[in-house]
C-alpha atoms as a PDB file:
ATOM      1  CA  UNK A   1       0.000   0.000   0.000  1.00  0.00           C
ATOM      2  CA  UNK A   2       1.435   3.334  -1.074  1.00  0.00           C
ATOM      3  CA  UNK A   3       0.708   6.043   1.503  1.00  0.00           C
ATOM      4  CA  UNK A   4       1.223   9.806   1.329  1.00  0.00           C
ATOM      5  CA  UNK A   5       0.925  12.469   4.057  1.00  0.00           C
ATOM      6  CA  UNK A   6       0.105  16.085   3.187  1.00  0.00           C
ATOM      7  CA  UNK A   7       0.622  18.183   6.330  1.00  0.00           C
ATOM      8  CA  UNK A   8       2.214  21.619   6.713  1.00  0.00           C
ATOM      9  CA  UNK A   9       3.255  21.115  10.351  1.00  0.00           C
ATOM     10  CA  UNK A  10       6.286  18.839  10.104  1.00  0.00           C
ATOM     11  CA  UNK A  11       6.150  17.618  13.731  1.00  0.00           C
ATOM     12  CA  UNK A  12       2.544  16.535  13.164  1.00  0.00           C
ATOM     13  CA  UNK A  13       3.524  14.803   9.924  1.00  0.00           C
ATOM     14  CA  UNK A  14       6.350  12.916  11.634  1.00  0.00           C
ATOM     15  CA  UNK A  15       4.064  11.943  14.518  1.00  0.00           C
ATOM     16  CA  UNK A  16       1.489  10.528  12.096  1.00  0.00           C
ATOM     17  CA  UNK A  17       4.259   8.694  10.257  1.00  0.00           C
ATOM     18  CA  UNK A  18       5.412   7.062  13.502  1.00  0.00           C
ATOM     19  CA  UNK A  19       1.849   6.059  14.352  1.00  0.00           C
ATOM     20  CA  UNK A  20       1.439   4.422  10.954  1.00  0.00           C
ATOM     21  CA  UNK A  21       4.771   2.646  11.303  1.00  0.00           C
ATOM     22  CA  UNK A  22       3.418   1.047  14.493  1.00  0.00           C
ATOM     23  CA  UNK A  23       0.804  -0.500  12.202  1.00  0.00           C
ATOM     24  CA  UNK A  24       3.520  -1.716   9.781  1.00  0.00           C
ATOM     25  CA  UNK A  25       2.447   0.876   7.221  1.00  0.00           C
ATOM     26  CA  UNK A  26       5.268   2.671   5.467  1.00  0.00           C
ATOM     27  CA  UNK A  27       4.788   6.304   4.485  1.00  0.00           C
ATOM     28  CA  UNK A  28       6.421   6.783   1.107  1.00  0.00           C
ATOM     29  CA  UNK A  29       6.241  10.580   0.877  1.00  0.00           C
ATOM     30  CA  UNK A  30       5.420  13.624   3.020  1.00  0.00           C
ATOM     31  CA  UNK A  31       4.405  16.935   1.435  1.00  0.00           C
ATOM     32  CA  UNK A  32       3.938  20.241   3.231  1.00  0.00           C
ATOM     33  CA  UNK A  33       2.228  22.783   0.961  1.00  0.00           C
ATOM     34  CA  UNK A  34      -0.281  23.169  -1.857  1.00  0.00           C
ATOM     35  CA  UNK A  35       2.411  24.210  -4.332  1.00  0.00           C
ATOM     36  CA  UNK A  36       4.727  21.330  -3.441  1.00  0.00           C
ATOM     37  CA  UNK A  37       1.859  18.832  -3.617  1.00  0.00           C
ATOM     38  CA  UNK A  38       0.650  19.948  -7.048  1.00  0.00           C
ATOM     39  CA  UNK A  39       4.163  19.645  -8.456  1.00  0.00           C
ATOM     40  CA  UNK A  40       4.611  16.197  -6.890  1.00  0.00           C
ATOM     41  CA  UNK A  41       1.299  14.804  -8.158  1.00  0.00           C
ATOM     42  CA  UNK A  42       2.072  15.985 -11.691  1.00  0.00           C
ATOM     43  CA  UNK A  43       5.392  14.143 -11.725  1.00  0.00           C
ATOM     44  CA  UNK A  44       4.693  10.962  -9.730  1.00  0.00           C
ATOM     45  CA  UNK A  45       2.300   8.033  -9.684  1.00  0.00           C
ATOM     46  CA  UNK A  46      -0.469   8.634  -7.205  1.00  0.00           C
ATOM     47  CA  UNK A  47      -0.661   6.755  -3.886  1.00  0.00           C
ATOM     48  CA  UNK A  48      -3.366   4.370  -2.734  1.00  0.00           C
ATOM     49  CA  UNK A  49      -4.152   6.423   0.359  1.00  0.00           C
ATOM     50  CA  UNK A  50      -3.621  10.080   1.272  1.00  0.00           C
ATOM     51  CA  UNK A  51      -3.708  11.565   4.772  1.00  0.00           C
ATOM     52  CA  UNK A  52      -4.676  15.140   4.007  1.00  0.00           C
ATOM     53  CA  UNK A  53      -4.630  18.205   6.242  1.00  0.00           C
ATOM     54  CA  UNK A  54      -7.152  20.854   5.189  1.00  0.00           C
ATOM     55  CA  UNK A  55      -5.332  24.077   6.046  1.00  0.00           C
ATOM     56  CA  UNK A  56      -1.822  24.190   4.619  1.00  0.00           C
ATOM     57  CA  UNK A  57       0.685  27.013   4.885  1.00  0.00           C
ATOM     58  CA  UNK A  58      -0.169  28.393   1.432  1.00  0.00           C
ATOM     59  CA  UNK A  59      -3.899  27.684   1.246  1.00  0.00           C
ATOM     60  CA  UNK A  60      -6.588  25.024   1.479  1.00  0.00           C
ATOM     61  CA  UNK A  61      -5.512  21.574   0.360  1.00  0.00           C
ATOM     62  CA  UNK A  62      -8.586  21.390  -1.896  1.00  0.00           C
ATOM     63  CA  UNK A  63      -6.661  23.601  -4.312  1.00  0.00           C
ATOM     64  CA  UNK A  64      -4.480  20.559  -5.077  1.00  0.00           C
ATOM     65  CA  UNK A  65      -7.475  18.732  -6.524  1.00  0.00           C
ATOM     66  CA  UNK A  66      -8.498  21.721  -8.588  1.00  0.00           C
ATOM     67  CA  UNK A  67      -5.115  21.557 -10.322  1.00  0.00           C
ATOM     68  CA  UNK A  68      -4.630  17.780 -10.562  1.00  0.00           C
ATOM     69  CA  UNK A  69      -7.079  14.913 -11.041  1.00  0.00           C
ATOM     70  CA  UNK A  70      -6.529  12.451  -8.175  1.00  0.00           C
ATOM     71  CA  UNK A  71      -8.399   9.186  -7.578  1.00  0.00           C
ATOM     72  CA  UNK A  72      -6.617   8.145  -4.369  1.00  0.00           C
ATOM     73  CA  UNK A  73      -8.597   7.336  -1.239  1.00  0.00           C
ATOM     74  CA  UNK A  74      -8.427  10.153   1.328  1.00  0.00           C
ATOM     75  CA  UNK A  75      -8.502  10.345   5.106  1.00  0.00           C
ATOM     76  CA  UNK A  76      -8.656  13.929   6.328  1.00  0.00           C
ATOM     77  CA  UNK A  77      -6.683  15.083   9.353  1.00  0.00           C
ATOM     78  CA  UNK A  78      -8.340  18.231  10.599  1.00  0.00           C
ATOM     79  CA  UNK A  79      -8.808  20.668  13.433  1.00  0.00           C
ATOM     80  CA  UNK A  80     -12.059  21.996  11.930  1.00  0.00           C
ATOM     81  CA  UNK A  81     -14.291  19.942  14.214  1.00  0.00           C
ATOM     82  CA  UNK A  82     -16.839  22.718  14.686  1.00  0.00           C
ATOM     83  CA  UNK A  83     -18.399  22.373  11.232  1.00  0.00           C
ATOM     84  CA  UNK A  84     -16.274  20.508   8.716  1.00  0.00           C
ATOM     85  CA  UNK A  85     -17.198  17.120  10.160  1.00  0.00           C
ATOM     86  CA  UNK A  86     -20.639  17.653   8.672  1.00  0.00           C
ATOM     87  CA  UNK A  87     -19.040  18.017   5.259  1.00  0.00           C
ATOM     88  CA  UNK A  88     -17.045  14.819   5.665  1.00  0.00           C
ATOM     89  CA  UNK A  89     -20.144  12.853   6.605  1.00  0.00           C
ATOM     90  CA  UNK A  90     -22.094  14.241   3.674  1.00  0.00           C
ATOM     91  CA  UNK A  91     -19.350  13.055   1.342  1.00  0.00           C
ATOM     92  CA  UNK A  92     -18.744   9.704   3.055  1.00  0.00           C
ATOM     93  CA  UNK A  93     -15.132  10.620   3.839  1.00  0.00           C
ATOM     94  CA  UNK A  94     -13.115   9.310   6.753  1.00  0.00           C
ATOM     95  CA  UNK A  95     -11.555  11.945   8.985  1.00  0.00           C
ATOM     96  CA  UNK A  96      -9.277  12.132  12.015  1.00  0.00           C
ATOM     97  CA  UNK A  97      -9.618  15.000  14.455  1.00  0.00           C
ATOM     98  CA  UNK A  98      -6.311  16.367  15.749  1.00  0.00           C
ATOM     99  CA  UNK A  99      -4.638  15.388  17.981  1.00  0.00           C
ATOM    100  CA  UNK A 100      -4.891  12.011  16.286  1.00  0.00           C
ATOM    101  CA  UNK A 101      -5.631   9.006  18.476  1.00  0.00           C
ATOM    102  CA  UNK A 102      -3.922   5.689  17.666  1.00  0.00           C
ATOM    103  CA  UNK A 103      -7.136   3.668  17.979  1.00  0.00           C
ATOM    104  CA  UNK A 104      -9.050   6.079  15.741  1.00  0.00           C
ATOM    105  CA  UNK A 105      -6.225   5.958  13.198  1.00  0.00           C
ATOM    106  CA  UNK A 106      -6.323   2.169  13.115  1.00  0.00           C
ATOM    107  CA  UNK A 107     -10.109   2.189  12.711  1.00  0.00           C
ATOM    108  CA  UNK A 108      -9.906   4.617   9.774  1.00  0.00           C
ATOM    109  CA  UNK A 109      -7.192   2.592   8.032  1.00  0.00           C
ATOM    110  CA  UNK A 110      -9.111  -0.633   8.595  1.00  0.00           C
ATOM    111  CA  UNK A 111     -12.195   0.969   7.067  1.00  0.00           C
ATOM    112  CA  UNK A 112     -10.136   1.812   4.007  1.00  0.00           C
ATOM    113  CA  UNK A 113      -8.697  -1.710   3.819  1.00  0.00           C
ATOM    114  CA  UNK A 114     -12.152  -3.314   3.932  1.00  0.00           C
ATOM    115  CA  UNK A 115     -13.061  -1.332   0.828  1.00  0.00           C
ATOM    116  CA  UNK A 116     -10.091  -2.580  -1.176  1.00  0.00           C
ATOM    117  CA  UNK A 117     -11.747  -5.665  -2.711  1.00  0.00           C
ATOM    118  CA  UNK A 118     -14.555  -3.534  -4.142  1.00  0.00           C
ATOM    119  CA  UNK A 119     -12.150  -0.661  -4.952  1.00  0.00           C
ATOM    120  CA  UNK A 120     -14.691   1.757  -3.566  1.00  0.00           C
ATOM    121  CA  UNK A 121     -12.863   5.018  -3.953  1.00  0.00           C
ATOM    122  CA  UNK A 122     -15.148   7.890  -3.012  1.00  0.00           C
ATOM    123  CA  UNK A 123     -15.868  10.638  -5.522  1.00  0.00           C
ATOM    124  CA  UNK A 124     -15.473  13.829  -3.548  1.00  0.00           C
ATOM    125  CA  UNK A 125     -17.358  17.070  -4.069  1.00  0.00           C
ATOM    126  CA  UNK A 126     -14.642  19.451  -2.928  1.00  0.00           C
ATOM    127  CA  UNK A 127     -16.647  22.518  -3.888  1.00  0.00           C
ATOM    128  CA  UNK A 128     -19.395  21.410  -1.497  1.00  0.00           C
ATOM    129  CA  UNK A 129     -16.873  20.907   1.300  1.00  0.00           C
ATOM    130  CA  UNK A 130     -15.223  24.275   0.660  1.00  0.00           C
ATOM    131  CA  UNK A 131     -18.627  25.936   0.763  1.00  0.00           C
ATOM    132  CA  UNK A 132     -19.353  24.354   4.124  1.00  0.00           C
ATOM    133  CA  UNK A 133     -16.009  25.559   5.451  1.00  0.00           C
ATOM    134  CA  UNK A 134     -16.855  29.111   4.475  1.00  0.00           C
ATOM    135  CA  UNK A 135     -20.573  28.933   5.284  1.00  0.00           C
ATOM    136  CA  UNK A 136     -21.142  26.205   7.852  1.00  0.00           C
ATOM    137  CA  UNK A 137     -24.582  24.616   7.979  1.00  0.00           C
ATOM    138  CA  UNK A 138     -26.701  26.262  10.639  1.00  0.00           C
ATOM    139  CA  UNK A 139     -27.807  23.833  13.284  1.00  0.00           C
ATOM    140  CA  UNK A 140     -29.007  24.012  16.837  1.00  0.00           C
ATOM    141  CA  UNK A 141     -26.816  23.113  19.781  1.00  0.00           C
ATOM    142  CA  UNK A 142     -27.749  21.938  23.246  1.00  0.00           C
ATOM    143  CA  UNK A 143     -28.690  24.724  25.616  1.00  0.00           C
ATOM    144  CA  UNK A 144     -28.988  22.429  28.625  1.00  0.00           C
ATOM    145  CA  UNK A 145     -28.183  18.916  29.815  1.00  0.00           C
ATOM    146  CA  UNK A 146     -30.249  16.728  32.119  1.00  0.00           C
ATOM    147  CA  UNK A 147     -28.186  14.897  34.735  1.00  0.00           C
ATOM    148  CA  UNK A 148     -29.180  12.418  37.413  1.00  0.00           C
ATOM    149  CA  UNK A 149     -28.576  13.427  41.022  1.00  0.00           C
ATOM    150  CA  UNK A 150     -29.666  10.586  43.276  1.00  0.00           C
ATOM    151  CA  UNK A 151     -33.297   9.937  42.394  1.00  0.00           C
ATOM    152  CA  UNK A 152     -33.711  13.377  40.834  1.00  0.00           C
ATOM    153  CA  UNK A 153     -33.032  14.928  37.437  1.00  0.00           C
ATOM    154  CA  UNK A 154     -31.269  18.282  37.333  1.00  0.00           C
ATOM    155  CA  UNK A 155     -30.954  20.648  34.383  1.00  0.00           C
ATOM    156  CA  UNK A 156     -27.507  22.124  33.716  1.00  0.00           C
ATOM    157  CA  UNK A 157     -27.456  25.082  31.342  1.00  0.00           C
ATOM    158  CA  UNK A 158     -24.574  25.183  28.862  1.00  0.00           C
ATOM    159  CA  UNK A 159     -23.601  28.669  30.006  1.00  0.00           C
ATOM    160  CA  UNK A 160     -22.907  27.246  33.483  1.00  0.00           C
ATOM    161  CA  UNK A 161     -20.453  24.613  32.195  1.00  0.00           C
ATOM    162  CA  UNK A 162     -16.788  25.542  32.595  1.00  0.00           C
ATOM    163  CA  UNK A 163     -15.451  22.370  30.996  1.00  0.00           C
ATOM    164  CA  UNK A 164     -16.368  18.852  29.942  1.00  0.00           C
ATOM    165  CA  UNK A 165     -13.856  16.084  30.540  1.00  0.00           C
ATOM    166  CA  UNK A 166     -13.432  12.318  30.406  1.00  0.00           C
ATOM    167  CA  UNK A 167     -12.124  10.234  33.280  1.00  0.00           C
ATOM    168  CA  UNK A 168     -12.205   6.467  33.908  1.00  0.00           C
ATOM    169  CA  UNK A 169     -14.384   5.936  30.806  1.00  0.00           C
ATOM    170  CA  UNK A 170     -16.937   8.467  32.060  1.00  0.00           C
ATOM    171  CA  UNK A 171     -17.797  11.954  30.767  1.00  0.00           C
ATOM    172  CA  UNK A 172     -18.341  14.770  33.257  1.00  0.00           C
ATOM    173  CA  UNK A 173     -19.657  18.312  33.223  1.00  0.00           C
ATOM    174  CA  UNK A 174     -17.950  20.730  35.571  1.00  0.00           C
ATOM    175  CA  UNK A 175     -19.993  23.812  36.438  1.00  0.00           C
ATOM    176  CA  UNK A 176     -19.133  27.306  37.582  1.00  0.00           C
ATOM    177  CA  UNK A 177     -20.599  26.327  40.971  1.00  0.00           C
ATOM    178  CA  UNK A 178     -17.757  23.808  41.391  1.00  0.00           C
ATOM    179  CA  UNK A 179     -19.857  20.665  40.862  1.00  0.00           C
ATOM    180  CA  UNK A 180     -19.162  17.598  38.685  1.00  0.00           C
ATOM    181  CA  UNK A 181     -21.967  15.718  36.941  1.00  0.00           C
ATOM    182  CA  UNK A 182     -21.711  12.416  35.066  1.00  0.00           C
ATOM    183  CA  UNK A 183     -23.487  12.357  31.686  1.00  0.00           C
ATOM    184  CA  UNK A 184     -24.335   9.564  29.240  1.00  0.00           C
ATOM    185  CA  UNK A 185     -22.536  11.147  26.282  1.00  0.00           C
ATOM    186  CA  UNK A 186     -19.023  10.634  24.943  1.00  0.00           C
ATOM    187  CA  UNK A 187     -16.704  13.505  24.100  1.00  0.00           C
ATOM    188  CA  UNK A 188     -16.912  12.447  20.455  1.00  0.00           C
ATOM    189  CA  UNK A 189     -20.716  12.789  20.435  1.00  0.00           C
ATOM    190  CA  UNK A 190     -20.443  16.208  22.071  1.00  0.00           C
ATOM    191  CA  UNK A 191     -18.727  17.504  18.924  1.00  0.00           C
ATOM    192  CA  UNK A 192     -22.216  17.823  17.426  1.00  0.00           C
ATOM    193  CA  UNK A 193     -23.951  19.102  20.569  1.00  0.00           C
ATOM    194  CA  UNK A 194     -21.723  21.859  21.979  1.00  0.00           C
ATOM    195  CA  UNK A 195     -21.717  25.345  20.474  1.00  0.00           C
ATOM    196  CA  UNK A 196     -18.357  25.474  18.607  1.00  0.00           C
ATOM    197  CA  UNK A 197     -17.830  29.189  19.159  1.00  0.00           C
ATOM    198  CA  UNK A 198     -18.143  28.657  22.920  1.00  0.00           C
ATOM    199  CA  UNK A 199     -16.584  25.221  23.504  1.00  0.00           C
ATOM    200  CA  UNK A 200     -13.262  23.975  22.160  1.00  0.00           C
ATOM    201  CA  UNK A 201     -11.694  20.533  22.476  1.00  0.00           C
ATOM    202  CA  UNK A 202      -8.171  21.335  23.635  1.00  0.00           C
ATOM    203  CA  UNK A 203      -7.036  17.707  23.859  1.00  0.00           C
ATOM    204  CA  UNK A 204      -8.413  14.166  23.945  1.00  0.00           C
ATOM    205  CA  UNK A 205      -9.862  14.631  27.437  1.00  0.00           C
ATOM    206  CA  UNK A 206     -11.140  18.212  27.696  1.00  0.00           C
ATOM    207  CA  UNK A 207     -13.549  20.706  26.190  1.00  0.00           C
ATOM    208  CA  UNK A 208     -13.318  24.209  27.662  1.00  0.00           C
ATOM    209  CA  UNK A 209     -15.805  27.082  27.671  1.00  0.00           C
ATOM    210  CA  UNK A 210     -14.241  30.286  26.307  1.00  0.00           C
ATOM    211  CA  UNK A 211     -16.137  32.321  28.907  1.00  0.00           C
ATOM    212  CA  UNK A 212     -14.571  30.317  31.751  1.00  0.00           C
ATOM    213  CA  UNK A 213     -10.944  30.882  30.732  1.00  0.00           C
ATOM    214  CA  UNK A 214      -9.138  32.902  33.401  1.00  0.00           C
ATOM    215  CA  UNK A 215      -5.584  32.650  32.108  1.00  0.00           C
ATOM    216  CA  UNK A 216      -3.415  31.018  29.429  1.00  0.00           C
ATOM    217  CA  UNK A 217       0.228  30.215  30.160  1.00  0.00           C
ATOM    218  CA  UNK A 218       3.043  28.974  27.927  1.00  0.00           C
ATOM    219  CA  UNK A 219       3.825  25.314  28.606  1.00  0.00           C
ATOM    220  CA  UNK A 220       6.562  22.905  27.555  1.00  0.00           C
ATOM    221  CA  UNK A 221       6.886  21.700  23.937  1.00  0.00           C
ATOM    222  CA  UNK A 222       5.088  24.740  22.473  1.00  0.00           C
ATOM    223  CA  UNK A 223       1.862  23.933  24.314  1.00  0.00           C
ATOM    224  CA  UNK A 224      -0.463  26.092  26.402  1.00  0.00           C
ATOM    225  CA  UNK A 225      -1.876  25.578  29.882  1.00  0.00           C
ATOM    226  CA  UNK A 226      -5.453  26.760  30.393  1.00  0.00           C
ATOM    227  CA  UNK A 227      -6.600  28.008  33.791  1.00  0.00           C
ATOM    228  CA  UNK A 228     -10.348  28.219  34.359  1.00  0.00           C
ATOM    229  CA  UNK A 229     -12.296  30.334  36.825  1.00  0.00           C
ATOM    230  CA  UNK A 230     -12.904  27.569  39.369  1.00  0.00           C
ATOM    231  CA  UNK A 231     -11.821  24.191  37.926  1.00  0.00           C
ATOM    232  CA  UNK A 232      -8.395  23.083  39.229  1.00  0.00           C
ATOM    233  CA  UNK A 233      -8.584  19.295  39.640  1.00  0.00           C
ATOM    234  CA  UNK A 234      -6.191  18.548  36.765  1.00  0.00           C
ATOM    235  CA  UNK A 235      -3.939  20.565  34.479  1.00  0.00           C
ATOM    236  CA  UNK A 236      -5.671  21.472  31.222  1.00  0.00           C
ATOM    237  CA  UNK A 237      -3.060  21.488  28.465  1.00  0.00           C
ATOM    238  CA  UNK A 238      -3.753  22.407  24.856  1.00  0.00           C
ATOM    239  CA  UNK A 239      -2.214  19.618  22.773  1.00  0.00           C
ATOM    240  CA  UNK A 240       0.602  20.823  20.532  1.00  0.00           C
ATOM    241  CA  UNK A 241      -1.319  19.769  17.411  1.00  0.00           C
ATOM    242  CA  UNK A 242      -4.290  21.882  18.552  1.00  0.00           C
ATOM    243  CA  UNK A 243      -2.495  25.092  19.585  1.00  0.00           C
ATOM    244  CA  UNK A 244      -2.805  26.739  16.166  1.00  0.00           C
ATOM    245  CA  UNK A 245      -6.524  25.962  15.887  1.00  0.00           C
ATOM    246  CA  UNK A 246      -7.045  27.038  19.501  1.00  0.00           C
ATOM    247  CA  UNK A 247      -5.495  30.450  18.873  1.00  0.00           C
ATOM    248  CA  UNK A 248      -7.643  30.893  15.771  1.00  0.00           C
ATOM    249  CA  UNK A 249     -10.716  29.945  17.816  1.00  0.00           C
ATOM    250  CA  UNK A 250      -9.925  32.638  20.381  1.00  0.00           C
ATOM    251  CA  UNK A 251     -10.037  35.414  17.784  1.00  0.00           C
END
């Protein structure tokens, strides 16, 4: 299987390469810009599978496909969880949300492998995806969550949530009143329920509410530590692969 990575952040590209090597998958080539990718595709045979970042240093990676006809299977690696995931689902595309999880990577690759006998390469409507990136589909988000407290149900309004986190296979809401509540929803499912302009997934374990951020401090390895108004049980660190998207989200 011939595999190609298109990713402008070289540390992220090398990390993905190492993760694939753990699966005995060799990455033949890594490209880092739209211009470099177009030139490469014009001069080389195309791979079986491409891991494609959306936002490259010199533009959107979709520009590659406007310049060159490519039939390779694609797995997106993206930080655009707030609305682009809808586009991927509409086009039956696999995606990996940064920072990439090893189990999710293996599941995506296995999904690709199961399609090999039928050679089911997906025809992608890149114009539709680009349109969704610019004009995301309007949809409603949860304004409140119902949680069980003993024999009672309690309503927690989204505005009162400082962060959402996972621990010991459970998902918890932490409120501005300093209370934790267990909910029957995974962090992955919350991607479609939390208002993306208010909540951001800073790493695999935490979503934070922008209105609850008290301070942001430089951390080791080009990361950021987030301090919230009242939550202080664990350090909240923005994963290195998410720092760029996090800063864009703040603006």
